[in-house]
Amino acid sequence: MPNHQAIFLSNEVNKQAFIQHILSQKNTGILADFDDLQGTLFSKIKIDEILDEEDRHGFTEVTKSQNRSLKSMSSGEQKKALLDHIMTTKVDYIILDNPFDNLDVKIRESLLSKLIEVQNQVVLIQIIHRKRDLLPFINNFITVDKDNKLHICADKDEFMKAECDDLLVGAIPSTTHIYAEMKDELIVFDKVNVSYNEKPILKDITWTIGKGEFWHLIGPNGAGKTTILSMITGDNPKGYGQNLYLFGRKKGSGETVWDIKDKIGYVTPSMTDLFSTRHTLEQMIVSGFYDSIGLYVNPSDLNVKLAKEWLALVNMSSLGNTLFCFLTSGQQRLALILRAMVKHPPLMILDEAIAGLDDHNTHLAIALINKIANETNTTILYVSHRTEEGLNPRSIFTLNPSEHGSEGIIRNKIL
């Protein structure tokens, strides 16, 4: 059987640089054997490169034998198409860069079956941030520290051992921002339907999100989660003319999109790209008081004090003057959650906010989210493909796709 490897990278390691070093055939020590072999990368970045080539040339080697473009495929179908193409190139090894990220349960199972199918044909090097994603047939385990030094684990038990000892320090800080009193029902969908080009997306969605609640919005890829979020934030014109109520006002009754966004704290991984290199971590947190991408005013002393208290809560006080771009991806993601909460908004949306985090930062983010849910009046809407151990939403709204559009099912958790 090929000598498969699993390599655990924390968010402190520059993953792309690490992967390129393996492929450069300039390795020493543990991975030196791969210098005599030809490898390739299986990753979301690789798929994005192929999509760009498809836009420019209309076809690629990956899809020319198929009757559809890569762009027309779901994320799971794209990954399987890339894997099928790689297997025709006869490479010696494939680097699997977090292959299960952003895939729903059904598609993850399908991709896993495909990887099990090819395990005897090629060496697989699995790069993972979450040890629960470990492929079941791998029997060699490596961890990488922040100095890029590799360490062999004696066995699977040692590799899977969790190291999550950091705790949050203190209480949730207060805020200087005052919101007008609102109804207990923040968001109301009453038999809302959405179609695009006559294709039904959502069918008779009926859902009320109230003050102080903690919801998990879950559903497979393409079920309509993004469509629902865009209606809540006021960005989707499909809400006009329907029984959709946002913070006490019917959609289209004279509200502005800025009135809506003022009441929402929003976190998504892509937001890290919005902050320029000249913003420090503390400035980035303070900017949440002003709903700006970066800080362009002189903040009040109280707002600066509150930002420092939020950083102390997650043990990041020493990083306040560090440029945001120099933080690890895990630190950046925690900072986005802090920025979204400094005003204690009526609603905070966490859209795949934990995706891409390593086990340590996932543990810390979950503790922070639970603490916000328990100690504030902010309603939390957590959106993801999968559940997280330790995260405690009180209610779940599941989108189940059908040919008539996704329907919603509500389930209350017993904690």
Protein backbone atom coordinates (compact mmCIF):
# COMPACT_ATOMS: atom_id res chain seq x y z
CA MET A 1 0.00 0.00 0.00
CA PRO A 2 1.30 3.54 -0.76
CA ASN A 3 2.88 5.39 2.14
CA HIS A 4 0.15 7.95 2.79
CA GLN A 5 0.83 10.90 5.11
CA ALA A 6 -1.33 13.20 7.23
CA ILE A 7 0.19 16.57 8.11
CA PHE A 8 -1.50 18.76 10.71
CA LEU A 9 -0.92 22.50 10.25
CA SER A 10 -2.00 25.05 12.83
CA ASN A 11 -3.17 28.48 11.69
CA GLU A 12 0.26 29.82 12.69
CA VAL A 13 1.90 28.03 9.73
CA ASN A 14 1.88 29.61 6.27
CA LYS A 15 0.07 26.78 4.53
CA GLN A 16 0.61 27.88 0.94
CA ALA A 17 4.34 28.38 1.45
CA PHE A 18 4.59 25.00 3.16
CA ILE A 19 2.80 23.23 0.29
CA GLN A 20 4.93 24.94 -2.35
CA HIS A 21 8.07 23.88 -0.49
CA ILE A 22 7.00 20.22 -0.72
CA LEU A 23 6.28 20.56 -4.44
CA SER A 24 9.60 22.36 -5.06
CA GLN A 25 11.53 19.10 -4.46
CA LYS A 26 13.88 20.83 -2.01
CA ASN A 27 12.85 18.94 1.09
CA THR A 28 15.12 17.56 3.75
CA GLY A 29 14.49 15.23 6.67
CA ILE A 30 11.05 13.62 6.98
CA LEU A 31 9.76 14.58 3.53
CA ALA A 32 13.03 14.16 1.60
CA ASP A 33 11.76 11.00 -0.12
CA PHE A 34 9.26 13.11 -2.08
CA ASP A 35 12.04 15.04 -3.82
CA ASP A 36 12.45 12.19 -6.30
CA LEU A 37 8.73 12.12 -7.10
CA GLN A 38 6.33 14.23 -9.13
CA GLY A 39 3.42 15.66 -7.20
CA THR A 40 0.44 17.92 -7.70
CA LEU A 41 -2.00 19.88 -5.59
CA PHE A 42 -5.67 19.17 -4.96
CA SER A 43 -7.17 22.30 -3.43
CA LYS A 44 -9.75 25.06 -3.65
CA ILE A 45 -7.00 27.35 -4.96
CA LYS A 46 -6.33 24.89 -7.82
CA ILE A 47 -10.02 24.86 -8.70
CA ASP A 48 -10.10 28.67 -8.71
CA GLU A 49 -7.15 28.70 -11.13
CA ILE A 50 -8.99 26.29 -13.46
CA LEU A 51 -12.15 28.40 -13.28
CA ASP A 52 -10.10 31.45 -14.28
CA GLU A 53 -8.63 29.54 -17.23
CA GLU A 54 -12.13 28.42 -18.21
CA ASP A 55 -13.31 32.05 -18.22
CA ARG A 56 -10.46 33.04 -20.52
CA HIS A 57 -10.40 30.08 -22.90
CA GLY A 58 -13.82 28.46 -22.65
CA PHE A 59 -12.45 25.00 -21.88
CA THR A 60 -9.77 23.28 -19.82
CA GLU A 61 -8.10 19.88 -19.73
CA VAL A 62 -10.14 19.11 -16.62
CA THR A 63 -13.55 19.38 -18.28
CA LYS A 64 -13.04 19.02 -22.03
CA SER A 65 -14.11 15.37 -21.89
CA GLN A 66 -17.34 16.30 -20.12
CA ASN A 67 -20.43 17.99 -21.44
CA ARG A 68 -20.47 20.80 -18.89
CA SER A 69 -18.21 23.53 -17.58
CA LEU A 70 -16.57 23.49 -14.18
CA LYS A 71 -18.46 26.69 -13.32
CA SER A 72 -21.79 24.90 -13.76
CA MET A 73 -20.84 22.26 -11.15
CA SER A 74 -21.37 22.33 -7.42
CA SER A 75 -18.28 22.60 -5.21
CA GLY A 76 -18.37 18.86 -4.58
CA GLU A 77 -18.67 18.05 -8.28
CA GLN A 78 -15.76 20.38 -9.01
CA LYS A 79 -13.54 18.54 -6.54
CA LYS A 80 -14.44 15.15 -7.98
CA ALA A 81 -13.80 16.40 -11.53
CA LEU A 82 -10.37 17.69 -10.48
CA LEU A 83 -9.52 14.39 -8.80
CA ASP A 84 -10.59 12.42 -11.88
CA HIS A 85 -8.34 14.61 -14.05
CA ILE A 86 -5.36 14.28 -11.69
CA MET A 87 -5.66 10.50 -11.77
CA THR A 88 -5.17 10.56 -15.57
CA THR A 89 -1.85 12.43 -15.22
CA LYS A 90 -0.06 9.56 -13.44
CA VAL A 91 1.56 11.71 -10.74
CA ASP A 92 3.40 9.99 -7.88
CA TYR A 93 1.63 11.84 -5.10
CA ILE A 94 -1.27 14.26 -4.50
CA ILE A 95 -1.30 16.91 -1.79
CA LEU A 96 -4.87 17.11 -0.47
CA ASP A 97 -5.33 20.61 0.96
CA ASN A 98 -8.17 20.32 3.52
CA PRO A 99 -10.27 18.41 0.97
CA PHE A 100 -13.48 18.42 3.03
CA ASP A 101 -13.66 22.16 3.71
CA ASN A 102 -16.98 23.83 2.77
CA LEU A 103 -18.65 20.56 1.76
CA ASP A 104 -21.92 19.30 3.19
CA VAL A 105 -22.24 15.86 4.76
CA LYS A 106 -23.47 14.04 1.66
CA ILE A 107 -20.78 15.47 -0.63
CA ARG A 108 -18.04 14.82 1.94
CA GLU A 109 -19.09 11.18 2.05
CA SER A 110 -19.02 11.01 -1.75
CA LEU A 111 -15.52 12.54 -1.94
CA LEU A 112 -14.30 10.22 0.81
CA SER A 113 -15.52 7.22 -1.19
CA LYS A 114 -13.59 8.52 -4.21
CA LEU A 115 -10.39 8.93 -2.16
CA ILE A 116 -10.76 5.43 -0.71
CA GLU A 117 -11.12 4.17 -4.29
CA VAL A 118 -7.79 5.72 -5.44
CA GLN A 119 -5.75 5.05 -2.27
CA ASN A 120 -3.96 2.07 -3.82
CA GLN A 121 -3.01 3.97 -6.99
CA VAL A 122 -1.21 7.07 -5.69
CA VAL A 123 0.39 8.42 -2.52
CA LEU A 124 -1.84 10.91 -0.71
CA ILE A 125 -0.50 13.68 1.52
CA GLN A 126 -3.41 15.09 3.48
CA ILE A 127 -2.95 18.63 4.83
CA ILE A 128 -5.51 19.27 7.59
CA HIS A 129 -6.41 21.90 10.16
CA ARG A 130 -9.07 19.77 11.85
CA LYS A 131 -7.97 16.32 12.99
CA ARG A 132 -11.52 15.01 12.77
CA ASP A 133 -11.14 15.18 8.96
CA LEU A 134 -8.33 12.58 8.96
CA LEU A 135 -8.69 10.03 6.18
CA PRO A 136 -9.29 6.58 7.73
CA PHE A 137 -6.62 4.73 5.75
CA ILE A 138 -3.66 7.00 6.56
CA ASN A 139 -1.09 5.53 8.92
CA ASN A 140 1.72 8.13 9.02
CA PHE A 141 1.22 11.30 11.05
CA ILE A 142 3.17 14.56 11.15
CA THR A 143 2.65 17.85 12.97
CA VAL A 144 4.28 21.16 12.03
CA ASP A 145 5.13 23.81 14.62
CA LYS A 146 5.09 27.59 14.07
CA ASP A 147 8.78 27.48 13.07
CA ASN A 148 7.94 25.02 10.26
CA LYS A 149 9.70 22.15 12.04
CA LEU A 150 8.16 18.74 11.37
CA HIS A 151 7.51 16.21 14.11
CA ILE A 152 6.57 12.56 13.58
CA CYS A 153 3.81 11.22 15.81
CA ALA A 154 4.34 7.71 17.12
CA ASP A 155 0.76 6.67 16.45
CA LYS A 156 -2.73 7.90 15.67
CA ASP A 157 -3.62 8.42 19.32
CA GLU A 158 -0.73 10.84 19.77
CA PHE A 159 -1.67 12.65 16.56
CA MET A 160 -5.33 13.03 17.55
CA LYS A 161 -4.56 14.33 21.05
CA ALA A 162 -6.25 17.70 21.58
CA GLU A 163 -4.38 20.67 23.00
CA CYS A 164 -7.05 23.24 23.82
CA ASP A 165 -6.30 24.73 27.23
CA ASP A 166 -6.86 28.45 26.62
CA LEU A 167 -9.89 29.93 28.38
CA LEU A 168 -11.65 33.25 27.93
CA VAL A 169 -10.74 35.79 30.60
CA GLY A 170 -13.40 38.02 32.19
CA ALA A 171 -16.89 39.15 31.23
CA ILE A 172 -18.26 40.43 27.94
CA PRO A 173 -17.47 44.18 27.65
CA SER A 174 -20.30 46.71 27.50
CA THR A 175 -20.94 49.10 24.59
CA THR A 176 -21.43 52.82 23.97
CA HIS A 177 -23.93 52.23 21.16
CA ILE A 178 -27.66 52.56 21.88
CA TYR A 179 -30.32 50.95 19.68
CA ALA A 180 -33.95 52.02 19.64
CA GLU A 181 -36.30 49.57 21.31
CA MET A 182 -37.41 46.87 18.88
CA LYS A 183 -40.06 44.19 18.83
CA ASP A 184 -39.23 40.76 20.21
CA GLU A 185 -39.49 39.39 16.65
CA LEU A 186 -36.38 40.61 14.81
CA ILE A 187 -36.78 38.71 11.53
CA VAL A 188 -40.00 37.17 10.20
CA PHE A 189 -40.37 35.03 7.05
CA ASP A 190 -44.01 34.22 6.33
CA LYS A 191 -44.33 31.79 3.40
CA VAL A 192 -41.49 33.43 1.46
CA ASN A 193 -40.63 31.99 -1.96
CA VAL A 194 -37.60 32.66 -4.17
CA SER A 195 -36.89 31.57 -7.75
CA TYR A 196 -34.14 32.47 -10.22
CA ASN A 197 -34.74 32.07 -13.95
CA GLU A 198 -37.82 29.99 -13.11
CA LYS A 199 -35.75 27.63 -10.96
CA PRO A 200 -37.26 27.45 -7.45
CA ILE A 201 -34.74 28.05 -4.65
CA LEU A 202 -36.86 28.56 -1.52
CA LYS A 203 -40.41 27.34 -0.95
CA ASP A 204 -42.82 28.70 1.67
CA ILE A 205 -40.11 29.63 4.15
CA THR A 206 -41.78 30.40 7.48
CA TRP A 207 -39.36 31.34 10.24
CA THR A 208 -39.30 33.83 13.10
CA ILE A 209 -36.00 34.87 14.70
CA GLY A 210 -36.49 36.50 18.09
CA LYS A 211 -34.43 38.59 20.51
CA GLY A 212 -31.62 36.81 22.30
CA GLU A 213 -32.02 33.54 20.41
CA PHE A 214 -29.19 31.34 19.16
CA TRP A 215 -29.94 29.67 15.82
CA HIS A 216 -28.01 27.30 13.58
CA LEU A 217 -28.95 27.61 9.90
CA ILE A 218 -27.84 24.42 8.20
CA GLY A 219 -28.34 22.78 4.82
CA PRO A 220 -26.42 21.15 1.97
CA ASN A 221 -24.54 23.05 -0.72
CA GLY A 222 -26.99 24.90 -2.95
CA ALA A 223 -29.91 24.65 -0.52
CA GLY A 224 -30.37 28.42 -0.36
CA LYS A 225 -28.53 29.48 2.81
CA THR A 226 -26.85 32.40 1.04
CA THR A 227 -30.19 33.47 -0.44
CA ILE A 228 -31.77 33.58 3.02
CA LEU A 229 -28.87 35.59 4.42
CA SER A 230 -29.06 38.12 1.59
CA MET A 231 -32.75 38.62 2.36
CA ILE A 232 -32.06 39.18 6.05
CA THR A 233 -29.36 41.77 5.28
CA GLY A 234 -31.66 43.58 2.84
CA ASP A 235 -29.43 42.96 -0.17
CA ASN A 236 -31.82 40.67 -2.07
CA PRO A 237 -34.60 42.37 -4.09
CA LYS A 238 -36.57 39.10 -4.03
CA GLY A 239 -37.84 40.18 -0.61
CA TYR A 240 -40.00 42.95 -2.05
CA GLY A 241 -43.69 42.17 -2.23
CA GLN A 242 -43.42 39.26 0.20
CA ASN A 243 -44.22 38.83 3.87
CA LEU A 244 -40.69 39.50 5.00
CA TYR A 245 -40.22 41.67 8.10
CA LEU A 246 -36.80 42.98 9.10
CA PHE A 247 -36.49 44.50 12.57
CA GLY A 248 -40.17 45.34 12.77
CA ARG A 249 -40.62 46.75 9.25
CA LYS A 250 -41.96 45.02 6.20
CA LYS A 251 -39.45 44.79 3.38
CA GLY A 252 -40.08 47.66 0.98
CA SER A 253 -41.88 49.91 3.48
CA GLY A 254 -39.32 52.71 3.25
CA GLU A 255 -36.36 51.26 5.13
CA THR A 256 -32.85 51.69 3.75
CA VAL A 257 -30.31 48.92 3.48
CA TRP A 258 -28.11 50.92 5.89
CA ASP A 259 -30.92 50.97 8.48
CA ILE A 260 -30.85 47.16 8.32
CA LYS A 261 -27.08 46.70 8.28
CA ASP A 262 -26.65 48.99 11.31
CA LYS A 263 -28.47 46.33 13.34
CA ILE A 264 -26.38 43.41 12.11
CA GLY A 265 -22.87 42.25 12.93
CA TYR A 266 -21.63 40.06 10.07
CA VAL A 267 -18.69 37.65 9.99
CA THR A 268 -17.53 35.61 7.02
CA PRO A 269 -13.98 34.35 6.26
CA SER A 270 -13.72 36.48 3.09
CA MET A 271 -13.89 39.66 5.19
CA THR A 272 -10.22 39.27 6.12
CA ASP A 273 -9.35 40.51 2.62
CA LEU A 274 -11.09 43.87 3.23
CA PHE A 275 -8.64 45.30 5.74
CA SER A 276 -5.56 47.05 4.43
CA THR A 277 -2.02 46.56 5.67
CA ARG A 278 -1.99 49.85 7.62
CA HIS A 279 -4.69 48.91 10.13
CA THR A 280 -3.63 47.55 13.50
CA LEU A 281 -5.68 44.93 15.29
CA GLU A 282 -6.94 47.48 17.82
CA GLN A 283 -7.95 49.92 15.06
CA MET A 284 -9.75 47.14 13.27
CA ILE A 285 -11.79 46.30 16.41
CA VAL A 286 -12.60 49.99 17.04
CA SER A 287 -13.80 50.39 13.44
CA GLY A 288 -16.75 48.17 14.36
CA PHE A 289 -18.23 51.10 16.28
CA TYR A 290 -18.32 53.11 13.05
CA ASP A 291 -19.28 50.36 10.55
CA SER A 292 -16.21 51.23 8.50
CA ILE A 293 -13.63 49.01 6.81
CA GLY A 294 -10.72 50.47 8.72
CA LEU A 295 -10.56 53.44 11.08
CA TYR A 296 -10.79 56.94 9.54
CA VAL A 297 -11.92 59.02 12.54
CA ASN A 298 -10.47 59.78 15.95
CA PRO A 299 -12.26 57.32 18.21
CA SER A 300 -13.45 58.22 21.69
CA ASP A 301 -11.33 57.12 24.63
CA LEU A 302 -14.21 54.94 25.81
CA ASN A 303 -14.44 53.08 22.48
CA VAL A 304 -10.70 52.43 22.56
CA LYS A 305 -11.01 51.20 26.15
CA LEU A 306 -13.82 48.80 25.16
CA ALA A 307 -11.79 47.49 22.21
CA LYS A 308 -8.92 46.73 24.60
CA GLU A 309 -11.34 44.87 26.89
CA TRP A 310 -12.53 42.70 23.99
CA LEU A 311 -8.92 41.86 23.12
CA ALA A 312 -8.20 40.99 26.74
CA LEU A 313 -11.18 38.63 26.72
CA VAL A 314 -9.50 36.42 24.09
CA ASN A 315 -5.94 36.85 25.43
CA MET A 316 -4.86 39.07 22.50
CA SER A 317 -4.00 42.29 24.40
CA SER A 318 -0.33 42.05 23.45
CA LEU A 319 -1.27 42.09 19.75
CA GLY A 320 -3.25 45.36 19.77
CA ASN A 321 -0.60 47.32 17.84
CA THR A 322 0.17 44.50 15.41
CA LEU A 323 -0.91 45.10 11.83
CA PHE A 324 -3.99 43.02 11.07
CA CYS A 325 -2.37 41.47 7.99
CA PHE A 326 0.47 40.07 10.15
CA LEU A 327 -1.86 38.09 12.42
CA THR A 328 -2.43 34.38 11.93
CA SER A 329 -5.63 33.39 10.16
CA GLY A 330 -7.03 32.16 13.47
CA GLN A 331 -6.32 35.48 15.18
CA GLN A 332 -7.86 37.37 12.26
CA ARG A 333 -11.06 35.34 12.47
CA LEU A 334 -11.43 35.93 16.21
CA ALA A 335 -10.86 39.63 15.56
CA LEU A 336 -13.71 39.68 13.04
CA ILE A 337 -16.07 38.27 15.68
CA LEU A 338 -14.94 40.90 18.19
CA ARG A 339 -15.41 43.69 15.64
CA ALA A 340 -18.92 42.46 14.85
CA MET A 341 -19.85 42.51 18.56
CA VAL A 342 -18.43 45.80 19.85
CA LYS A 343 -21.80 47.55 19.31
CA HIS A 344 -23.78 44.61 20.74
CA PRO A 345 -25.93 44.48 17.58
CA PRO A 346 -29.44 43.03 17.80
CA LEU A 347 -28.34 40.30 15.35
CA MET A 348 -24.96 38.74 14.62
CA ILE A 349 -24.58 36.50 11.57
CA LEU A 350 -21.67 34.05 11.63
CA ASP A 351 -21.45 32.71 8.07
CA GLU A 352 -19.00 29.76 8.05
CA ALA A 353 -17.07 31.77 10.64
CA ILE A 354 -15.19 28.68 11.86
CA ALA A 355 -14.32 27.26 8.42
CA GLY A 356 -10.56 26.90 7.93
CA LEU A 357 -9.66 27.24 11.60
CA ASP A 358 -7.43 24.70 13.30
CA ASP A 359 -8.60 22.74 16.35
CA HIS A 360 -7.17 25.21 18.86
CA ASN A 361 -8.75 28.30 17.29
CA THR A 362 -12.01 26.45 16.71
CA HIS A 363 -12.14 25.65 20.42
CA LEU A 364 -11.52 29.33 21.28
CA ALA A 365 -14.06 30.64 18.74
CA ILE A 366 -16.74 28.23 20.01
CA ALA A 367 -16.10 29.36 23.60
CA LEU A 368 -16.43 33.00 22.50
CA ILE A 369 -19.67 32.41 20.57
CA ASN A 370 -21.23 30.49 23.44
CA LYS A 371 -20.21 33.25 25.87
CA ILE A 372 -21.81 35.93 23.68
CA ALA A 373 -24.99 33.86 23.50
CA ASN A 374 -25.10 33.41 27.28
CA GLU A 375 -24.10 36.89 28.44
CA THR A 376 -25.66 39.32 25.92
CA ASN A 377 -29.02 40.04 24.30
CA THR A 378 -27.57 39.69 20.80
CA THR A 379 -29.33 37.12 18.64
CA ILE A 380 -26.85 34.77 16.96
CA LEU A 381 -27.42 33.16 13.57
CA TYR A 382 -24.67 30.61 12.99
CA VAL A 383 -24.52 29.32 9.41
CA SER A 384 -22.58 26.24 8.32
CA HIS A 385 -22.65 22.90 6.51
CA ARG A 386 -21.86 20.92 9.63
CA THR A 387 -22.38 20.86 13.37
CA GLU A 388 -19.58 21.62 15.83
CA GLU A 389 -19.01 19.74 19.06
CA GLY A 390 -19.31 22.15 21.99
CA LEU A 391 -21.26 24.83 20.12
CA ASN A 392 -24.66 25.28 21.77
CA PRO A 393 -27.31 26.75 19.46
CA ARG A 394 -30.74 26.47 21.04
CA SER A 395 -32.65 26.08 17.79
CA ILE A 396 -31.86 24.71 14.33
CA PHE A 397 -33.37 25.76 10.99
CA THR A 398 -32.63 23.12 8.37
CA LEU A 399 -33.07 23.70 4.63
CA ASN A 400 -34.10 20.54 2.81
CA PRO A 401 -33.82 20.84 -1.00
CA SER A 402 -36.53 19.53 -3.33
CA GLU A 403 -37.50 20.05 -6.96
CA HIS A 404 -39.95 22.71 -5.76
CA GLY A 405 -37.33 24.62 -3.76
CA SER A 406 -35.84 24.16 -0.30
CA GLU A 407 -38.25 23.91 2.59
CA GLY A 408 -37.38 24.78 6.17
CA ILE A 409 -37.68 22.55 9.23
CA ILE A 410 -37.38 23.95 12.75
CA ARG A 411 -35.98 21.89 15.60
CA ASN A 412 -35.34 23.04 19.16
CA LYS A 413 -32.37 21.48 20.94
CA ILE A 414 -32.55 20.15 24.47
CA LEU A 415 -29.39 21.36 26.19
